């Protein structure tokens, strides 16, 4: 029989695992961004040129 405490612990562990996966995804997705200027919309062309090897 699952007690209320065990149920709460199971739920907390499940939520923590989901949150860890989200943070891991965010870290992988944004690993190239080091400053706020890297993610500004105005710098999209410069960022694309840098990573595609074009000269601006």
PDB file of N, CA and C in Angstrom:
ATOM      1  N   UNK A   1       0.845  -1.186   0.000  1.00  0.00           N
ATOM      2  CA  UNK A   1       0.000   0.000   0.000  1.00  0.00           C
ATOM      3  C   UNK A   1       0.886   1.243   0.000  1.00  0.00           C
ATOM      4  N   UNK A   2       0.582   2.173  -0.876  1.00  0.00           N
ATOM      5  CA  UNK A   2       1.353   3.411  -0.981  1.00  0.00           C
ATOM      6  C   UNK A   2       0.767   4.436  -0.013  1.00  0.00           C
ATOM      7  N   UNK A   3       1.628   4.938   0.844  1.00  0.00           N
ATOM      8  CA  UNK A   3       1.182   5.943   1.804  1.00  0.00           C
ATOM      9  C   UNK A   3       1.212   7.319   1.156  1.00  0.00           C
ATOM     10  N   UNK A   4       0.644   8.268   1.824  1.00  0.00           N
ATOM     11  CA  UNK A   4       0.599   9.636   1.328  1.00  0.00           C
ATOM     12  C   UNK A   4       2.007  10.204   1.198  1.00  0.00           C
ATOM     13  N   UNK A   5       2.874   9.903   2.157  1.00  0.00           N
ATOM     14  CA  UNK A   5       4.250  10.396   2.127  1.00  0.00           C
ATOM     15  C   UNK A   5       4.991   9.833   0.910  1.00  0.00           C
ATOM     16  N   UNK A   6       4.832   8.549   0.649  1.00  0.00           N
ATOM     17  CA  UNK A   6       5.482   7.925  -0.507  1.00  0.00           C
ATOM     18  C   UNK A   6       4.966   8.521  -1.808  1.00  0.00           C
ATOM     19  N   UNK A   7       3.709   8.814  -1.851  1.00  0.00           N
ATOM     20  CA  UNK A   7       3.106   9.425  -3.035  1.00  0.00           C
ATOM     21  C   UNK A   7       3.681  10.812  -3.291  1.00  0.00           C
ATOM     22  N   UNK A   8       3.834  11.583  -2.221  1.00  0.00           N
ATOM     23  CA  UNK A   8       4.393  12.930  -2.347  1.00  0.00           C
ATOM     24  C   UNK A   8       5.848  12.856  -2.794  1.00  0.00           C
ATOM     25  N   UNK A   9       6.610  11.959  -2.222  1.00  0.00           N
ATOM     26  CA  UNK A   9       8.019  11.805  -2.592  1.00  0.00           C
ATOM     27  C   UNK A   9       8.130  11.388  -4.057  1.00  0.00           C
ATOM     28  N   UNK A  10       7.310  10.435  -4.495  1.00  0.00           N
ATOM     29  CA  UNK A  10       7.321  10.001  -5.887  1.00  0.00           C
ATOM     30  C   UNK A  10       7.005  11.162  -6.820  1.00  0.00           C
ATOM     31  N   UNK A  11       6.013  11.968  -6.467  1.00  0.00           N
ATOM     32  CA  UNK A  11       5.632  13.121  -7.280  1.00  0.00           C
ATOM     33  C   UNK A  11       6.759  14.136  -7.344  1.00  0.00           C
ATOM     34  N   UNK A  12       7.413  14.392  -6.213  1.00  0.00           N
ATOM     35  CA  UNK A  12       8.519  15.351  -6.194  1.00  0.00           C
ATOM     36  C   UNK A  12       9.692  14.868  -7.032  1.00  0.00           C
ATOM     37  N   UNK A  13      10.001  13.594  -6.961  1.00  0.00           N
ATOM     38  CA  UNK A  13      11.100  13.044  -7.754  1.00  0.00           C
ATOM     39  C   UNK A  13      10.775  13.138  -9.245  1.00  0.00           C
ATOM     40  N   UNK A  14       9.541  12.845  -9.612  1.00  0.00           N
ATOM     41  CA  UNK A  14       9.122  12.940 -11.009  1.00  0.00           C
ATOM     42  C   UNK A  14       9.231  14.374 -11.518  1.00  0.00           C
ATOM     43  N   UNK A  15       8.777  15.323 -10.729  1.00  0.00           N
ATOM     44  CA  UNK A  15       8.867  16.728 -11.125  1.00  0.00           C
ATOM     45  C   UNK A  15      10.312  17.180 -11.240  1.00  0.00           C
ATOM     46  N   UNK A  16      11.168  16.738 -10.319  1.00  0.00           N
ATOM     47  CA  UNK A  16      12.585  17.103 -10.371  1.00  0.00           C
ATOM     48  C   UNK A  16      13.234  16.551 -11.637  1.00  0.00           C
ATOM     49  N   UNK A  17      12.923  15.328 -12.000  1.00  0.00           N
ATOM     50  CA  UNK A  17      13.488  14.741 -13.226  1.00  0.00           C
ATOM     51  C   UNK A  17      13.057  15.529 -14.461  1.00  0.00           C
ATOM     52  N   UNK A  18      11.795  15.910 -14.513  1.00  0.00           N
ATOM     53  CA  UNK A  18      11.304  16.704 -15.642  1.00  0.00           C
ATOM     54  C   UNK A  18      12.001  18.055 -15.701  1.00  0.00           C
ATOM     55  N   UNK A  19      12.163  18.685 -14.548  1.00  0.00           N
ATOM     56  CA  UNK A  19      12.832  19.986 -14.483  1.00  0.00           C
ATOM     57  C   UNK A  19      14.301  19.863 -14.885  1.00  0.00           C
ATOM     58  N   UNK A  20      14.957  18.802 -14.450  1.00  0.00           N
ATOM     59  CA  UNK A  20      16.355  18.564 -14.843  1.00  0.00           C
ATOM     60  C   UNK A  20      16.482  18.390 -16.351  1.00  0.00           C
ATOM     61  N   UNK A  21      15.533  17.683 -16.956  1.00  0.00           N
ATOM     62  CA  UNK A  21      15.560  17.508 -18.417  1.00  0.00           C
ATOM     63  C   UNK A  21      15.370  18.838 -19.125  1.00  0.00           C
ATOM     64  N   UNK A  22      14.476  19.676 -18.609  1.00  0.00           N
ATOM     65  CA  UNK A  22      14.257  20.992 -19.217  1.00  0.00           C
ATOM     66  C   UNK A  22      15.512  21.854 -19.134  1.00  0.00           C
ATOM     67  N   UNK A  23      16.162  21.876 -17.965  1.00  0.00           N
ATOM     68  CA  UNK A  23      17.377  22.670 -17.819  1.00  0.00           C
ATOM     69  C   UNK A  23      18.494  22.136 -18.700  1.00  0.00           C
ATOM     70  N   UNK A  24      18.577  20.823 -18.839  1.00  0.00           N
ATOM     71  CA  UNK A  24      19.597  20.238 -19.718  1.00  0.00           C
ATOM     72  C   UNK A  24      19.350  20.661 -21.165  1.00  0.00           C
ATOM     73  N   UNK A  25      18.084  20.656 -21.585  1.00  0.00           N
ATOM     74  CA  UNK A  25      17.753  21.074 -22.949  1.00  0.00           C
ATOM     75  C   UNK A  25      18.098  22.550 -23.155  1.00  0.00           C
ATOM     76  N   UNK A  26      17.738  23.378 -22.194  1.00  0.00           N
ATOM     77  CA  UNK A  26      18.036  24.816 -22.298  1.00  0.00           C
ATOM     78  C   UNK A  26      19.545  25.038 -22.367  1.00  0.00           C
ATOM     79  N   UNK A  27      20.291  24.333 -21.547  1.00  0.00           N
ATOM     80  CA  UNK A  27      21.747  24.473 -21.559  1.00  0.00           C
ATOM     81  C   UNK A  27      22.340  24.077 -22.905  1.00  0.00           C
ATOM     82  N   UNK A  28      21.849  22.976 -23.474  1.00  0.00           N
ATOM     83  CA  UNK A  28      22.346  22.559 -24.791  1.00  0.00           C
ATOM     84  C   UNK A  28      21.945  23.548 -25.869  1.00  0.00           C
ATOM     85  N   UNK A  29      20.729  24.018 -25.827  1.00  0.00           N
ATOM     86  CA  UNK A  29      20.201  24.884 -26.871  1.00  0.00           C
ATOM     87  C   UNK A  29      20.898  26.248 -26.892  1.00  0.00           C
ATOM     88  N   UNK A  30      21.236  26.764 -25.732  1.00  0.00           N
ATOM     89  CA  UNK A  30      21.786  28.111 -25.649  1.00  0.00           C
ATOM     90  C   UNK A  30      23.255  28.130 -25.219  1.00  0.00           C
ATOM     91  N   UNK A  31      23.990  27.052 -25.461  1.00  0.00           N
ATOM     92  CA  UNK A  31      25.382  26.997 -25.023  1.00  0.00           C
ATOM     93  C   UNK A  31      26.270  27.989 -25.760  1.00  0.00           C
ATOM     94  N   UNK A  32      25.877  28.427 -26.952  1.00  0.00           N
ATOM     95  CA  UNK A  32      26.685  29.371 -27.722  1.00  0.00           C
ATOM     96  C   UNK A  32      26.481  30.820 -27.304  1.00  0.00           C
ATOM     97  N   UNK A  33      25.468  31.078 -26.502  1.00  0.00           N
ATOM     98  CA  UNK A  33      25.173  32.439 -26.086  1.00  0.00           C
ATOM     99  C   UNK A  33      25.880  32.733 -24.770  1.00  0.00           C
ATOM    100  N   UNK A  34      26.733  33.766 -24.786  1.00  0.00           N
ATOM    101  CA  UNK A  34      27.504  34.082 -23.589  1.00  0.00           C
ATOM    102  C   UNK A  34      27.104  35.414 -22.960  1.00  0.00           C
ATOM    103  N   UNK A  35      26.549  36.320 -23.762  1.00  0.00           N
ATOM    104  CA  UNK A  35      26.125  37.619 -23.242  1.00  0.00           C
ATOM    105  C   UNK A  35      24.738  37.934 -23.772  1.00  0.00           C
ATOM    106  N   UNK A  36      24.114  38.936 -23.193  1.00  0.00           N
ATOM    107  CA  UNK A  36      22.793  39.336 -23.659  1.00  0.00           C
ATOM    108  C   UNK A  36      22.823  39.840 -25.092  1.00  0.00           C
ATOM    109  N   UNK A  37      23.934  40.453 -25.502  1.00  0.00           N
ATOM    110  CA  UNK A  37      24.005  40.956 -26.878  1.00  0.00           C
ATOM    111  C   UNK A  37      23.986  39.818 -27.886  1.00  0.00           C
ATOM    112  N   UNK A  38      24.360  38.612 -27.468  1.00  0.00           N
ATOM    113  CA  UNK A  38      24.330  37.464 -28.370  1.00  0.00           C
ATOM    114  C   UNK A  38      22.910  37.051 -28.737  1.00  0.00           C
ATOM    115  N   UNK A  39      21.941  37.344 -27.872  1.00  0.00           N
ATOM    116  CA  UNK A  39      20.582  36.897 -28.140  1.00  0.00           C
ATOM    117  C   UNK A  39      19.646  38.020 -28.559  1.00  0.00           C
ATOM    118  N   UNK A  40      20.168  39.210 -28.765  1.00  0.00           N
ATOM    119  CA  UNK A  40      19.318  40.298 -29.230  1.00  0.00           C
ATOM    120  C   UNK A  40      18.918  40.066 -30.679  1.00  0.00           C
ATOM    121  N   UNK A  41      17.722  40.458 -31.017  1.00  0.00           N
ATOM    122  CA  UNK A  41      17.199  40.259 -32.364  1.00  0.00           C
ATOM    123  C   UNK A  41      18.041  41.005 -33.396  1.00  0.00           C
ATOM    124  N   UNK A  42      18.595  42.142 -33.035  1.00  0.00           N
ATOM    125  CA  UNK A  42      19.357  42.952 -33.984  1.00  0.00           C
ATOM    126  C   UNK A  42      20.642  42.268 -34.431  1.00  0.00           C
ATOM    127  N   UNK A  43      21.108  41.283 -33.700  1.00  0.00           N
ATOM    128  CA  UNK A  43      22.374  40.624 -34.018  1.00  0.00           C
ATOM    129  C   UNK A  43      22.202  39.314 -34.775  1.00  0.00           C
ATOM    130  N   UNK A  44      21.006  39.022 -35.237  1.00  0.00           N
ATOM    131  CA  UNK A  44      20.755  37.743 -35.898  1.00  0.00           C
ATOM    132  C   UNK A  44      21.606  37.592 -37.147  1.00  0.00           C
ATOM    133  N   UNK A  45      21.698  38.620 -37.962  1.00  0.00           N
ATOM    134  CA  UNK A  45      22.488  38.525 -39.191  1.00  0.00           C
ATOM    135  C   UNK A  45      23.963  38.280 -38.871  1.00  0.00           C
ATOM    136  N   UNK A  46      24.478  38.998 -37.886  1.00  0.00           N
ATOM    137  CA  UNK A  46      25.882  38.835 -37.503  1.00  0.00           C
ATOM    138  C   UNK A  46      26.137  37.432 -36.958  1.00  0.00           C
ATOM    139  N   UNK A  47      25.221  36.932 -36.154  1.00  0.00           N
ATOM    140  CA  UNK A  47      25.358  35.588 -35.578  1.00  0.00           C
ATOM    141  C   UNK A  47      25.337  34.530 -36.686  1.00  0.00           C
ATOM    142  N   UNK A  48      24.403  34.667 -37.611  1.00  0.00           N
ATOM    143  CA  UNK A  48      24.312  33.715 -38.720  1.00  0.00           C
ATOM    144  C   UNK A  48      25.570  33.773 -39.577  1.00  0.00           C
ATOM    145  N   UNK A  49      26.048  34.964 -39.861  1.00  0.00           N
ATOM    146  CA  UNK A  49      27.259  35.114 -40.665  1.00  0.00           C
ATOM    147  C   UNK A  49      28.459  34.471 -39.971  1.00  0.00           C
ATOM    148  N   UNK A  50      28.556  34.656 -38.686  1.00  0.00           N
ATOM    149  CA  UNK A  50      29.670  34.084 -37.931  1.00  0.00           C
ATOM    150  C   UNK A  50      29.651  32.562 -38.005  1.00  0.00           C
ATOM    151  N   UNK A  51      28.479  31.970 -37.803  1.00  0.00           N
ATOM    152  CA  UNK A  51      28.397  30.515 -37.761  1.00  0.00           C
ATOM    153  C   UNK A  51      28.320  29.876 -39.140  1.00  0.00           C
ATOM    154  N   UNK A  52      27.965  30.626 -40.157  1.00  0.00           N
ATOM    155  CA  UNK A  52      27.935  30.092 -41.512  1.00  0.00           C
ATOM    156  C   UNK A  52      29.199  30.407 -42.294  1.00  0.00           C
ATOM    157  N   UNK A  53      30.066  31.237 -41.716  1.00  0.00           N
ATOM    158  CA  UNK A  53      31.342  31.546 -42.342  1.00  0.00           C
ATOM    159  C   UNK A  53      31.303  32.685 -43.339  1.00  0.00           C
ATOM    160  N   UNK A  54      30.237  33.464 -43.341  1.00  0.00           N
ATOM    161  CA  UNK A  54      30.158  34.603 -44.246  1.00  0.00           C
ATOM    162  C   UNK A  54      30.891  35.788 -43.654  1.00  0.00           C
ATOM    163  N   UNK A  55      31.348  36.685 -44.515  1.00  0.00           N
ATOM    164  CA  UNK A  55      31.922  37.922 -44.034  1.00  0.00           C
ATOM    165  C   UNK A  55      30.852  38.993 -44.074  1.00  0.00           C
ATOM    166  N   UNK A  56      30.813  39.765 -43.033  1.00  0.00           N
ATOM    167  CA  UNK A  56      29.782  40.805 -42.927  1.00  0.00           C
ATOM    168  C   UNK A  56      30.316  42.128 -43.348  1.00  0.00           C
TER     169      UNK A  56
END
